[in-house]
Amino acid sequence: GRSSIRNSELTQEAIRQQVSDADLVRIYEMSKDRNVYQNLASSMFPTTHGSDEIKKGILLMLFGGVPKRTIEGTTLRGDINVCIVGDPSTAKSQFLKQVAEFSPLCLHLR
């Protein structure tokens, strides 16, 4: 089995040890696909139909942003947070509960 990595240990080598050669080949193949963003978003939460924009937002949140420093010296962390607001019974909680199951840094608040 693969050991878990704490956030402070996320070096390129530590991540590489967690990914199999077959996974790397698949990731490389996916990187050549011009529709990878749409395909990944469509494959998320296959039992929930529609809500494509929410699925894309969650996908971007999972990949995260890039930390930056502005000209003024402000540091931007690069974290992407998602707040889902909508009518009752539109799968909002189901989306976030499912993400919380596989994302180690996810926090689901009601």
PDB file of N, CA and C in Angstrom:
ATOM      1  N   GLY A   1       0.807  -1.178   0.000  1.00  0.00           N
ATOM      2  CA  GLY A   1       0.000   0.000   0.000  1.00  0.00           C
ATOM      3  C   GLY A   1       0.855   1.249   0.000  1.00  0.00           C
ATOM      4  N   ARG A   2       0.262   2.331  -0.374  1.00  0.00           N
ATOM      5  CA  ARG A   2       0.968   3.604  -0.418  1.00  0.00           C
ATOM      6  C   ARG A   2       0.807   4.320   0.903  1.00  0.00           C
ATOM      7  N   SER A   3       1.878   4.900   1.394  1.00  0.00           N
ATOM      8  CA  SER A   3       1.790   5.665   2.628  1.00  0.00           C
ATOM      9  C   SER A   3       1.250   7.054   2.322  1.00  0.00           C
ATOM     10  N   SER A   4       0.610   7.648   3.308  1.00  0.00           N
ATOM     11  CA  SER A   4       0.085   8.989   3.092  1.00  0.00           C
ATOM     12  C   SER A   4       1.203  10.007   3.298  1.00  0.00           C
ATOM     13  N   ILE A   5       1.047  11.146   2.629  1.00  0.00           N
ATOM     14  CA  ILE A   5       2.040  12.213   2.713  1.00  0.00           C
ATOM     15  C   ILE A   5       1.395  13.388   3.415  1.00  0.00           C
ATOM     16  N   ARG A   6       2.060  13.912   4.429  1.00  0.00           N
ATOM     17  CA  ARG A   6       1.576  15.134   5.066  1.00  0.00           C
ATOM     18  C   ARG A   6       1.860  16.308   4.143  1.00  0.00           C
ATOM     19  N   ASN A   7       1.056  17.350   4.251  1.00  0.00           N
ATOM     20  CA  ASN A   7       1.182  18.524   3.390  1.00  0.00           C
ATOM     21  C   ASN A   7       2.595  19.109   3.399  1.00  0.00           C
ATOM     22  N   SER A   8       3.286  19.076   4.547  1.00  0.00           N
ATOM     23  CA  SER A   8       4.612  19.661   4.638  1.00  0.00           C
ATOM     24  C   SER A   8       5.656  18.841   3.881  1.00  0.00           C
ATOM     25  N   GLU A   9       5.312  17.621   3.496  1.00  0.00           N
ATOM     26  CA  GLU A   9       6.248  16.746   2.813  1.00  0.00           C
ATOM     27  C   GLU A   9       5.979  16.644   1.313  1.00  0.00           C
ATOM     28  N   LEU A  10       5.216  17.525   0.746  1.00  0.00           N
ATOM     29  CA  LEU A  10       4.845  17.438  -0.658  1.00  0.00           C
ATOM     30  C   LEU A  10       5.970  17.932  -1.566  1.00  0.00           C
ATOM     31  N   THR A  11       7.024  17.162  -1.642  1.00  0.00           N
ATOM     32  CA  THR A  11       8.102  17.459  -2.566  1.00  0.00           C
ATOM     33  C   THR A  11       7.844  16.669  -3.841  1.00  0.00           C
ATOM     34  N   GLN A  12       8.537  17.043  -4.899  1.00  0.00           N
ATOM     35  CA  GLN A  12       8.363  16.339  -6.163  1.00  0.00           C
ATOM     36  C   GLN A  12       8.703  14.858  -5.998  1.00  0.00           C
ATOM     37  N   GLU A  13       9.759  14.554  -5.283  1.00  0.00           N
ATOM     38  CA  GLU A  13      10.161  13.150  -5.075  1.00  0.00           C
ATOM     39  C   GLU A  13       9.140  12.397  -4.238  1.00  0.00           C
ATOM     40  N   ALA A  14       8.601  13.026  -3.193  1.00  0.00           N
ATOM     41  CA  ALA A  14       7.605  12.370  -2.350  1.00  0.00           C
ATOM     42  C   ALA A  14       6.349  12.052  -3.152  1.00  0.00           C
ATOM     43  N   ILE A  15       5.940  12.979  -4.000  1.00  0.00           N
ATOM     44  CA  ILE A  15       4.765  12.743  -4.843  1.00  0.00           C
ATOM     45  C   ILE A  15       5.061  11.636  -5.842  1.00  0.00           C
ATOM     46  N   ARG A  16       6.251  11.643  -6.430  1.00  0.00           N
ATOM     47  CA  ARG A  16       6.638  10.627  -7.415  1.00  0.00           C
ATOM     48  C   ARG A  16       6.582   9.228  -6.809  1.00  0.00           C
ATOM     49  N   GLN A  17       6.931   9.102  -5.550  1.00  0.00           N
ATOM     50  CA  GLN A  17       6.903   7.799  -4.891  1.00  0.00           C
ATOM     51  C   GLN A  17       5.475   7.295  -4.700  1.00  0.00           C
ATOM     52  N   GLN A  18       4.501   8.192  -4.725  1.00  0.00           N
ATOM     53  CA  GLN A  18       3.101   7.827  -4.542  1.00  0.00           C
ATOM     54  C   GLN A  18       2.406   7.462  -5.851  1.00  0.00           C
ATOM     55  N   VAL A  19       3.047   7.740  -6.996  1.00  0.00           N
ATOM     56  CA  VAL A  19       2.422   7.554  -8.296  1.00  0.00           C
ATOM     57  C   VAL A  19       3.115   6.395  -9.019  1.00  0.00           C
ATOM     58  N   SER A  20       2.316   5.449  -9.498  1.00  0.00           N
ATOM     59  CA  SER A  20       2.894   4.307 -10.209  1.00  0.00           C
ATOM     60  C   SER A  20       3.314   4.721 -11.615  1.00  0.00           C
ATOM     61  N   ASP A  21       4.138   3.899 -12.244  1.00  0.00           N
ATOM     62  CA  ASP A  21       4.554   4.172 -13.625  1.00  0.00           C
ATOM     63  C   ASP A  21       3.348   4.186 -14.559  1.00  0.00           C
ATOM     64  N   ALA A  22       2.400   3.289 -14.325  1.00  0.00           N
ATOM     65  CA  ALA A  22       1.182   3.248 -15.144  1.00  0.00           C
ATOM     66  C   ALA A  22       0.386   4.550 -14.984  1.00  0.00           C
ATOM     67  N   ASP A  23       0.335   5.070 -13.746  1.00  0.00           N
ATOM     68  CA  ASP A  23      -0.348   6.343 -13.510  1.00  0.00           C
ATOM     69  C   ASP A  23       0.340   7.472 -14.272  1.00  0.00           C
ATOM     70  N   LEU A  24       1.658   7.485 -14.251  1.00  0.00           N
ATOM     71  CA  LEU A  24       2.406   8.534 -14.962  1.00  0.00           C
ATOM     72  C   LEU A  24       2.151   8.483 -16.454  1.00  0.00           C
ATOM     73  N   VAL A  25       2.111   7.285 -17.010  1.00  0.00           N
ATOM     74  CA  VAL A  25       1.821   7.142 -18.444  1.00  0.00           C
ATOM     75  C   VAL A  25       0.423   7.675 -18.734  1.00  0.00           C
ATOM     76  N   ARG A  26      -0.543   7.335 -17.898  1.00  0.00           N
ATOM     77  CA  ARG A  26      -1.927   7.797 -18.099  1.00  0.00           C
ATOM     78  C   ARG A  26      -2.018   9.316 -17.970  1.00  0.00           C
ATOM     79  N   ILE A  27      -1.326   9.884 -16.997  1.00  0.00           N
ATOM     80  CA  ILE A  27      -1.326  11.343 -16.823  1.00  0.00           C
ATOM     81  C   ILE A  27      -0.714  12.018 -18.049  1.00  0.00           C
ATOM     82  N   TYR A  28       0.363  11.460 -18.558  1.00  0.00           N
ATOM     83  CA  TYR A  28       1.005  12.022 -19.753  1.00  0.00           C
ATOM     84  C   TYR A  28       0.054  11.959 -20.948  1.00  0.00           C
ATOM     85  N   GLU A  29      -0.628  10.824 -21.125  1.00  0.00           N
ATOM     86  CA  GLU A  29      -1.591  10.695 -22.220  1.00  0.00           C
ATOM     87  C   GLU A  29      -2.716  11.719 -22.075  1.00  0.00           C
ATOM     88  N   MET A  30      -3.189  11.904 -20.858  1.00  0.00           N
ATOM     89  CA  MET A  30      -4.259  12.871 -20.623  1.00  0.00           C
ATOM     90  C   MET A  30      -3.795  14.291 -20.919  1.00  0.00           C
ATOM     91  N   SER A  31      -2.521  14.578 -20.660  1.00  0.00           N
ATOM     92  CA  SER A  31      -2.005  15.930 -20.897  1.00  0.00           C
ATOM     93  C   SER A  31      -2.017  16.292 -22.376  1.00  0.00           C
ATOM     94  N   LYS A  32      -2.058  15.319 -23.247  1.00  0.00           N
ATOM     95  CA  LYS A  32      -2.079  15.561 -24.691  1.00  0.00           C
ATOM     96  C   LYS A  32      -3.494  15.777 -25.227  1.00  0.00           C
ATOM     97  N   ASP A  33      -4.484  15.508 -24.398  1.00  0.00           N
ATOM     98  CA  ASP A  33      -5.889  15.628 -24.800  1.00  0.00           C
ATOM     99  C   ASP A  33      -6.331  17.082 -24.707  1.00  0.00           C
ATOM    100  N   ARG A  34      -6.770  17.636 -25.810  1.00  0.00           N
ATOM    101  CA  ARG A  34      -7.217  19.037 -25.840  1.00  0.00           C
ATOM    102  C   ARG A  34      -8.477  19.251 -25.005  1.00  0.00           C
ATOM    103  N   ASN A  35      -9.209  18.194 -24.731  1.00  0.00           N
ATOM    104  CA  ASN A  35     -10.464  18.289 -23.973  1.00  0.00           C
ATOM    105  C   ASN A  35     -10.331  17.741 -22.558  1.00  0.00           C
ATOM    106  N   VAL A  36      -9.109  17.717 -22.027  1.00  0.00           N
ATOM    107  CA  VAL A  36      -8.898  17.102 -20.721  1.00  0.00           C
ATOM    108  C   VAL A  36      -9.731  17.785 -19.631  1.00  0.00           C
ATOM    109  N   TYR A  37      -9.843  19.088 -19.660  1.00  0.00           N
ATOM    110  CA  TYR A  37     -10.622  19.817 -18.646  1.00  0.00           C
ATOM    111  C   TYR A  37     -12.084  19.383 -18.674  1.00  0.00           C
ATOM    112  N   GLN A  38     -12.675  19.381 -19.850  1.00  0.00           N
ATOM    113  CA  GLN A  38     -14.079  18.975 -19.991  1.00  0.00           C
ATOM    114  C   GLN A  38     -14.257  17.505 -19.636  1.00  0.00           C
ATOM    115  N   ASN A  39     -13.325  16.661 -20.063  1.00  0.00           N
ATOM    116  CA  ASN A  39     -13.432  15.231 -19.779  1.00  0.00           C
ATOM    117  C   ASN A  39     -13.333  14.945 -18.280  1.00  0.00           C
ATOM    118  N   LEU A  40     -12.410  15.613 -17.591  1.00  0.00           N
ATOM    119  CA  LEU A  40     -12.287  15.416 -16.144  1.00  0.00           C
ATOM    120  C   LEU A  40     -13.537  15.913 -15.422  1.00  0.00           C
ATOM    121  N   ALA A  41     -14.023  17.080 -15.824  1.00  0.00           N
ATOM    122  CA  ALA A  41     -15.224  17.630 -15.191  1.00  0.00           C
ATOM    123  C   ALA A  41     -16.422  16.719 -15.435  1.00  0.00           C
ATOM    124  N   SER A  42     -16.540  16.185 -16.642  1.00  0.00           N
ATOM    125  CA  SER A  42     -17.666  15.303 -16.964  1.00  0.00           C
ATOM    126  C   SER A  42     -17.586  13.983 -16.204  1.00  0.00           C
ATOM    127  N   SER A  43     -16.376  13.536 -15.907  1.00  0.00           N
ATOM    128  CA  SER A  43     -16.226  12.252 -15.215  1.00  0.00           C
ATOM    129  C   SER A  43     -16.417  12.367 -13.704  1.00  0.00           C
ATOM    130  N   MET A  44     -16.439  13.581 -13.196  1.00  0.00           N
ATOM    131  CA  MET A  44     -16.653  13.772 -11.755  1.00  0.00           C
ATOM    132  C   MET A  44     -18.126  13.569 -11.418  1.00  0.00           C
ATOM    133  N   PHE A  45     -18.388  12.892 -10.335  1.00  0.00           N
ATOM    134  CA  PHE A  45     -19.745  12.688  -9.836  1.00  0.00           C
ATOM    135  C   PHE A  45     -20.674  12.158 -10.933  1.00  0.00           C
ATOM    136  N   PRO A  46     -20.357  10.996 -11.489  1.00  0.00           N
ATOM    137  CA  PRO A  46     -21.130  10.485 -12.626  1.00  0.00           C
ATOM    138  C   PRO A  46     -22.592  10.206 -12.310  1.00  0.00           C
ATOM    139  N   THR A  47     -22.934  10.030 -11.037  1.00  0.00           N
ATOM    140  CA  THR A  47     -24.335   9.770 -10.701  1.00  0.00           C
ATOM    141  C   THR A  47     -25.158  11.048 -10.616  1.00  0.00           C
ATOM    142  N   THR A  48     -24.503  12.200 -10.667  1.00  0.00           N
ATOM    143  CA  THR A  48     -25.214  13.480 -10.621  1.00  0.00           C
ATOM    144  C   THR A  48     -25.173  14.111 -12.005  1.00  0.00           C
ATOM    145  N   HIS A  49     -26.330  14.254 -12.612  1.00  0.00           N
ATOM    146  CA  HIS A  49     -26.399  14.798 -13.964  1.00  0.00           C
ATOM    147  C   HIS A  49     -26.514  16.318 -13.920  1.00  0.00           C
ATOM    148  N   GLY A  50     -25.928  16.969 -14.917  1.00  0.00           N
ATOM    149  CA  GLY A  50     -25.957  18.425 -14.976  1.00  0.00           C
ATOM    150  C   GLY A  50     -24.950  19.028 -14.017  1.00  0.00           C
ATOM    151  N   SER A  51     -25.202  20.247 -13.611  1.00  0.00           N
ATOM    152  CA  SER A  51     -24.333  20.981 -12.677  1.00  0.00           C
ATOM    153  C   SER A  51     -22.895  21.055 -13.169  1.00  0.00           C
ATOM    154  N   ASP A  52     -22.701  21.207 -14.476  1.00  0.00           N
ATOM    155  CA  ASP A  52     -21.362  21.213 -15.066  1.00  0.00           C
ATOM    156  C   ASP A  52     -20.479  22.319 -14.511  1.00  0.00           C
ATOM    157  N   GLU A  53     -21.034  23.502 -14.284  1.00  0.00           N
ATOM    158  CA  GLU A  53     -20.227  24.602 -13.759  1.00  0.00           C
ATOM    159  C   GLU A  53     -19.755  24.311 -12.335  1.00  0.00           C
ATOM    160  N   ILE A  54     -20.600  23.688 -11.540  1.00  0.00           N
ATOM    161  CA  ILE A  54     -20.200  23.325 -10.174  1.00  0.00           C
ATOM    162  C   ILE A  54     -19.100  22.276 -10.222  1.00  0.00           C
ATOM    163  N   LYS A  55     -19.252  21.280 -11.095  1.00  0.00           N
ATOM    164  CA  LYS A  55     -18.236  20.241 -11.238  1.00  0.00           C
ATOM    165  C   LYS A  55     -16.899  20.844 -11.676  1.00  0.00           C
ATOM    166  N   LYS A  56     -16.930  21.800 -12.596  1.00  0.00           N
ATOM    167  CA  LYS A  56     -15.695  22.455 -13.050  1.00  0.00           C
ATOM    168  C   LYS A  56     -15.071  23.272 -11.915  1.00  0.00           C
ATOM    169  N   GLY A  57     -15.898  23.947 -11.137  1.00  0.00           N
ATOM    170  CA  GLY A  57     -15.375  24.710 -10.002  1.00  0.00           C
ATOM    171  C   GLY A  57     -14.710  23.815  -8.975  1.00  0.00           C
ATOM    172  N   ILE A  58     -15.316  22.679  -8.688  1.00  0.00           N
ATOM    173  CA  ILE A  58     -14.735  21.732  -7.740  1.00  0.00           C
ATOM    174  C   ILE A  58     -13.441  21.162  -8.304  1.00  0.00           C
ATOM    175  N   LEU A  59     -13.420  20.860  -9.589  1.00  0.00           N
ATOM    176  CA  LEU A  59     -12.204  20.343 -10.227  1.00  0.00           C
ATOM    177  C   LEU A  59     -11.062  21.346 -10.102  1.00  0.00           C
ATOM    178  N   LEU A  60     -11.324  22.611 -10.383  1.00  0.00           N
ATOM    179  CA  LEU A  60     -10.294  23.637 -10.250  1.00  0.00           C
ATOM    180  C   LEU A  60      -9.837  23.778  -8.807  1.00  0.00           C
ATOM    181  N   MET A  61     -10.776  23.658  -7.875  1.00  0.00           N
ATOM    182  CA  MET A  61     -10.419  23.727  -6.456  1.00  0.00           C
ATOM    183  C   MET A  61      -9.465  22.595  -6.093  1.00  0.00           C
ATOM    184  N   LEU A  62      -9.736  21.392  -6.598  1.00  0.00           N
ATOM    185  CA  LEU A  62      -8.896  20.241  -6.276  1.00  0.00           C
ATOM    186  C   LEU A  62      -7.475  20.400  -6.818  1.00  0.00           C
ATOM    187  N   PHE A  63      -7.338  20.990  -7.996  1.00  0.00           N
ATOM    188  CA  PHE A  63      -6.008  21.200  -8.558  1.00  0.00           C
ATOM    189  C   PHE A  63      -5.300  22.373  -7.901  1.00  0.00           C
ATOM    190  N   GLY A  64      -6.058  23.333  -7.425  1.00  0.00           N
ATOM    191  CA  GLY A  64      -5.468  24.471  -6.719  1.00  0.00           C
ATOM    192  C   GLY A  64      -4.908  25.510  -7.659  1.00  0.00           C
ATOM    193  N   GLY A  65      -4.534  26.609  -7.067  1.00  0.00           N
ATOM    194  CA  GLY A  65      -3.969  27.719  -7.823  1.00  0.00           C
ATOM    195  C   GLY A  65      -2.472  27.812  -7.605  1.00  0.00           C
ATOM    196  N   VAL A  66      -1.904  28.910  -8.044  1.00  0.00           N
ATOM    197  CA  VAL A  66      -0.466  29.141  -7.929  1.00  0.00           C
ATOM    198  C   VAL A  66      -0.238  30.320  -6.988  1.00  0.00           C
ATOM    199  N   PRO A  67       0.567  30.130  -5.945  1.00  0.00           N
ATOM    200  CA  PRO A  67       0.868  31.266  -5.060  1.00  0.00           C
ATOM    201  C   PRO A  67       1.577  32.375  -5.851  1.00  0.00           C
ATOM    202  N   LYS A  68       1.239  33.623  -5.550  1.00  0.00           N
ATOM    203  CA  LYS A  68       1.820  34.757  -6.272  1.00  0.00           C
ATOM    204  C   LYS A  68       2.126  35.895  -5.308  1.00  0.00           C
ATOM    205  N   ARG A  69       2.996  36.774  -5.740  1.00  0.00           N
ATOM    206  CA  ARG A  69       3.257  38.014  -5.023  1.00  0.00           C
ATOM    207  C   ARG A  69       3.003  39.149  -6.016  1.00  0.00           C
ATOM    208  N   THR A  70       2.122  40.072  -5.638  1.00  0.00           N
ATOM    209  CA  THR A  70       1.774  41.178  -6.529  1.00  0.00           C
ATOM    210  C   THR A  70       2.875  42.231  -6.524  1.00  0.00           C
ATOM    211  N   ILE A  71       2.768  43.172  -7.429  1.00  0.00           N
ATOM    212  CA  ILE A  71       3.730  44.278  -7.517  1.00  0.00           C
ATOM    213  C   ILE A  71       3.764  45.068  -6.209  1.00  0.00           C
ATOM    214  N   GLU A  72       2.594  45.185  -5.569  1.00  0.00           N
ATOM    215  CA  GLU A  72       2.487  45.915  -4.312  1.00  0.00           C
ATOM    216  C   GLU A  72       3.059  45.137  -3.136  1.00  0.00           C
ATOM    217  N   GLY A  73       3.423  43.860  -3.337  1.00  0.00           N
ATOM    218  CA  GLY A  73       3.992  43.052  -2.274  1.00  0.00           C
ATOM    219  C   GLY A  73       2.998  42.169  -1.546  1.00  0.00           C
ATOM    220  N   THR A  74       1.754  42.149  -2.015  1.00  0.00           N
ATOM    221  CA  THR A  74       0.741  41.304  -1.402  1.00  0.00           C
ATOM    222  C   THR A  74       0.973  39.850  -1.815  1.00  0.00           C
ATOM    223  N   THR A  75       0.942  38.959  -0.840  1.00  0.00           N
ATOM    224  CA  THR A  75       1.092  37.539  -1.139  1.00  0.00           C
ATOM    225  C   THR A  75      -0.277  36.900  -1.288  1.00  0.00           C
ATOM    226  N   LEU A  76      -0.495  36.224  -2.407  1.00  0.00           N
ATOM    227  CA  LEU A  76      -1.731  35.503  -2.668  1.00  0.00           C
ATOM    228  C   LEU A  76      -1.427  34.016  -2.548  1.00  0.00           C
ATOM    229  N   ARG A  77      -2.158  33.306  -1.703  1.00  0.00           N
ATOM    230  CA  ARG A  77      -1.846  31.909  -1.400  1.00  0.00           C
ATOM    231  C   ARG A  77      -2.056  30.965  -2.574  1.00  0.00           C
ATOM    232  N   GLY A  78      -3.004  31.243  -3.414  1.00  0.00           N
ATOM    233  CA  GLY A  78      -3.277  30.340  -4.522  1.00  0.00           C
ATOM    234  C   GLY A  78      -4.322  29.293  -4.205  1.00  0.00           C
ATOM    235  N   ASP A  79      -4.865  29.319  -2.999  1.00  0.00           N
ATOM    236  CA  ASP A  79      -5.922  28.374  -2.641  1.00  0.00           C
ATOM    237  C   ASP A  79      -7.199  28.761  -3.366  1.00  0.00           C
ATOM    238  N   ILE A  80      -7.952  27.772  -3.786  1.00  0.00           N
ATOM    239  CA  ILE A  80      -9.245  28.019  -4.407  1.00  0.00           C
ATOM    240  C   ILE A  80     -10.296  27.435  -3.482  1.00  0.00           C
ATOM    241  N   ASN A  81     -11.224  28.264  -3.034  1.00  0.00           N
ATOM    242  CA  ASN A  81     -12.297  27.824  -2.161  1.00  0.00           C
ATOM    243  C   ASN A  81     -13.598  27.830  -2.947  1.00  0.00           C
ATOM    244  N   VAL A  82     -14.509  26.950  -2.570  1.00  0.00           N
ATOM    245  CA  VAL A  82     -15.784  26.836  -3.271  1.00  0.00           C
ATOM    246  C   VAL A  82     -16.905  26.969  -2.259  1.00  0.00           C
ATOM    247  N   CYS A  83     -17.859  27.815  -2.572  1.00  0.00           N
ATOM    248  CA  CYS A  83     -19.086  27.948  -1.789  1.00  0.00           C
ATOM    249  C   CYS A  83     -20.232  27.682  -2.763  1.00  0.00           C
ATOM    250  N   ILE A  84     -21.012  26.667  -2.480  1.00  0.00           N
ATOM    251  CA  ILE A  84     -22.103  26.295  -3.382  1.00  0.00           C
ATOM    252  C   ILE A  84     -23.415  26.722  -2.738  1.00  0.00           C
ATOM    253  N   VAL A  85     -24.153  27.565  -3.447  1.00  0.00           N
ATOM    254  CA  VAL A  85     -25.439  28.062  -2.975  1.00  0.00           C
ATOM    255  C   VAL A  85     -26.484  27.715  -4.020  1.00  0.00           C
ATOM    256  N   GLY A  86     -27.616  27.220  -3.586  1.00  0.00           N
ATOM    257  CA  GLY A  86     -28.659  26.893  -4.548  1.00  0.00           C
ATOM    258  C   GLY A  86     -29.909  26.381  -3.881  1.00  0.00           C
ATOM    259  N   ASP A  87     -30.857  26.024  -4.711  1.00  0.00           N
ATOM    260  CA  ASP A  87     -32.133  25.509  -4.232  1.00  0.00           C
ATOM    261  C   ASP A  87     -31.941  24.184  -3.500  1.00  0.00           C
ATOM    262  N   PRO A  88     -32.886  23.841  -2.630  1.00  0.00           N
ATOM    263  CA  PRO A  88     -32.821  22.536  -1.958  1.00  0.00           C
ATOM    264  C   PRO A  88     -32.866  21.396  -2.985  1.00  0.00           C
ATOM    265  N   SER A  89     -32.282  20.279  -2.625  1.00  0.00           N
ATOM    266  CA  SER A  89     -32.297  19.057  -3.444  1.00  0.00           C
ATOM    267  C   SER A  89     -31.598  19.217  -4.786  1.00  0.00           C
ATOM    268  N   THR A  90     -30.497  19.975  -4.815  1.00  0.00           N
ATOM    269  CA  THR A  90     -29.724  20.120  -6.053  1.00  0.00           C
ATOM    270  C   THR A  90     -28.322  19.541  -5.905  1.00  0.00           C
ATOM    271  N   ALA A  91     -28.121  18.607  -5.004  1.00  0.00           N
ATOM    272  CA  ALA A  91     -26.890  17.828  -4.826  1.00  0.00           C
ATOM    273  C   ALA A  91     -25.711  18.627  -4.278  1.00  0.00           C
ATOM    274  N   LYS A  92     -25.958  19.784  -3.682  1.00  0.00           N
ATOM    275  CA  LYS A  92     -24.850  20.586  -3.135  1.00  0.00           C
ATOM    276  C   LYS A  92     -24.065  19.804  -2.092  1.00  0.00           C
ATOM    277  N   SER A  93     -24.734  19.251  -1.121  1.00  0.00           N
ATOM    278  CA  SER A  93     -24.052  18.507  -0.058  1.00  0.00           C
ATOM    279  C   SER A  93     -23.395  17.240  -0.589  1.00  0.00           C
ATOM    280  N   GLN A  94     -24.023  16.578  -1.553  1.00  0.00           N
ATOM    281  CA  GLN A  94     -23.452  15.354  -2.107  1.00  0.00           C
ATOM    282  C   GLN A  94     -22.115  15.631  -2.784  1.00  0.00           C
ATOM    283  N   PHE A  95     -22.027  16.733  -3.515  1.00  0.00           N
ATOM    284  CA  PHE A  95     -20.758  17.103  -4.153  1.00  0.00           C
ATOM    285  C   PHE A  95     -19.661  17.239  -3.100  1.00  0.00           C
ATOM    286  N   LEU A  96     -19.930  18.029  -2.083  1.00  0.00           N
ATOM    287  CA  LEU A  96     -18.904  18.316  -1.085  1.00  0.00           C
ATOM    288  C   LEU A  96     -18.579  17.116  -0.204  1.00  0.00           C
ATOM    289  N   LYS A  97     -19.569  16.295   0.111  1.00  0.00           N
ATOM    290  CA  LYS A  97     -19.303  15.087   0.896  1.00  0.00           C
ATOM    291  C   LYS A  97     -18.404  14.131   0.121  1.00  0.00           C
ATOM    292  N   GLN A  98     -18.649  13.997  -1.172  1.00  0.00           N
ATOM    293  CA  GLN A  98     -17.826  13.100  -1.983  1.00  0.00           C
ATOM    294  C   GLN A  98     -16.394  13.603  -2.079  1.00  0.00           C
ATOM    295  N   VAL A  99     -16.216  14.913  -2.219  1.00  0.00           N
ATOM    296  CA  VAL A  99     -14.867  15.474  -2.268  1.00  0.00           C
ATOM    297  C   VAL A  99     -14.160  15.253  -0.935  1.00  0.00           C
ATOM    298  N   ALA A 100     -14.883  15.409   0.162  1.00  0.00           N
ATOM    299  CA  ALA A 100     -14.289  15.226   1.489  1.00  0.00           C
ATOM    300  C   ALA A 100     -13.798  13.798   1.698  1.00  0.00           C
ATOM    301  N   GLU A 101     -14.370  12.835   0.981  1.00  0.00           N
ATOM    302  CA  GLU A 101     -13.954  11.444   1.114  1.00  0.00           C
ATOM    303  C   GLU A 101     -12.563  11.185   0.549  1.00  0.00           C
ATOM    304  N   PHE A 102     -12.167  11.900  -0.508  1.00  0.00           N
ATOM    305  CA  PHE A 102     -10.879  11.599  -1.135  1.00  0.00           C
ATOM    306  C   PHE A 102      -9.862  12.732  -1.093  1.00  0.00           C
ATOM    307  N   SER A 103     -10.249  13.896  -0.630  1.00  0.00           N
ATOM    308  CA  SER A 103      -9.318  15.017  -0.568  1.00  0.00           C
ATOM    309  C   SER A 103      -8.887  15.238   0.880  1.00  0.00           C
ATOM    310  N   PRO A 104      -7.601  15.034   1.181  1.00  0.00           N
ATOM    311  CA  PRO A 104      -7.155  15.112   2.568  1.00  0.00           C
ATOM    312  C   PRO A 104      -7.254  16.499   3.194  1.00  0.00           C
ATOM    313  N   LEU A 105      -7.315  17.547   2.393  1.00  0.00           N
ATOM    314  CA  LEU A 105      -7.372  18.902   2.946  1.00  0.00           C
ATOM    315  C   LEU A 105      -8.757  19.520   2.860  1.00  0.00           C
ATOM    316  N   CYS A 106      -9.759  18.720   2.539  1.00  0.00           N
ATOM    317  CA  CYS A 106     -11.109  19.230   2.369  1.00  0.00           C
ATOM    318  C   CYS A 106     -11.784  19.381   3.716  1.00  0.00           C
ATOM    319  N   LEU A 107     -12.527  20.455   3.865  1.00  0.00           N
ATOM    320  CA  LEU A 107     -13.324  20.696   5.062  1.00  0.00           C
ATOM    321  C   LEU A 107     -14.735  20.990   4.629  1.00  0.00           C
ATOM    322  N   HIS A 108     -15.665  20.132   5.018  1.00  0.00           N
ATOM    323  CA  HIS A 108     -17.058  20.289   4.633  1.00  0.00           C
ATOM    324  C   HIS A 108     -17.833  20.871   5.796  1.00  0.00           C
ATOM    325  N   LEU A 109     -18.327  22.093   5.646  1.00  0.00           N
ATOM    326  CA  LEU A 109     -19.108  22.771   6.682  1.00  0.00           C
ATOM    327  C   LEU A 109     -20.540  22.895   6.229  1.00  0.00           C
ATOM    328  N   ARG A 110     -21.467  22.716   7.153  1.00  0.00           N
ATOM    329  CA  ARG A 110     -22.877  22.902   6.811  1.00  0.00           C
ATOM    330  C   ARG A 110     -23.379  24.168   7.431  1.00  0.00           C
TER     331      ARG A 110
END
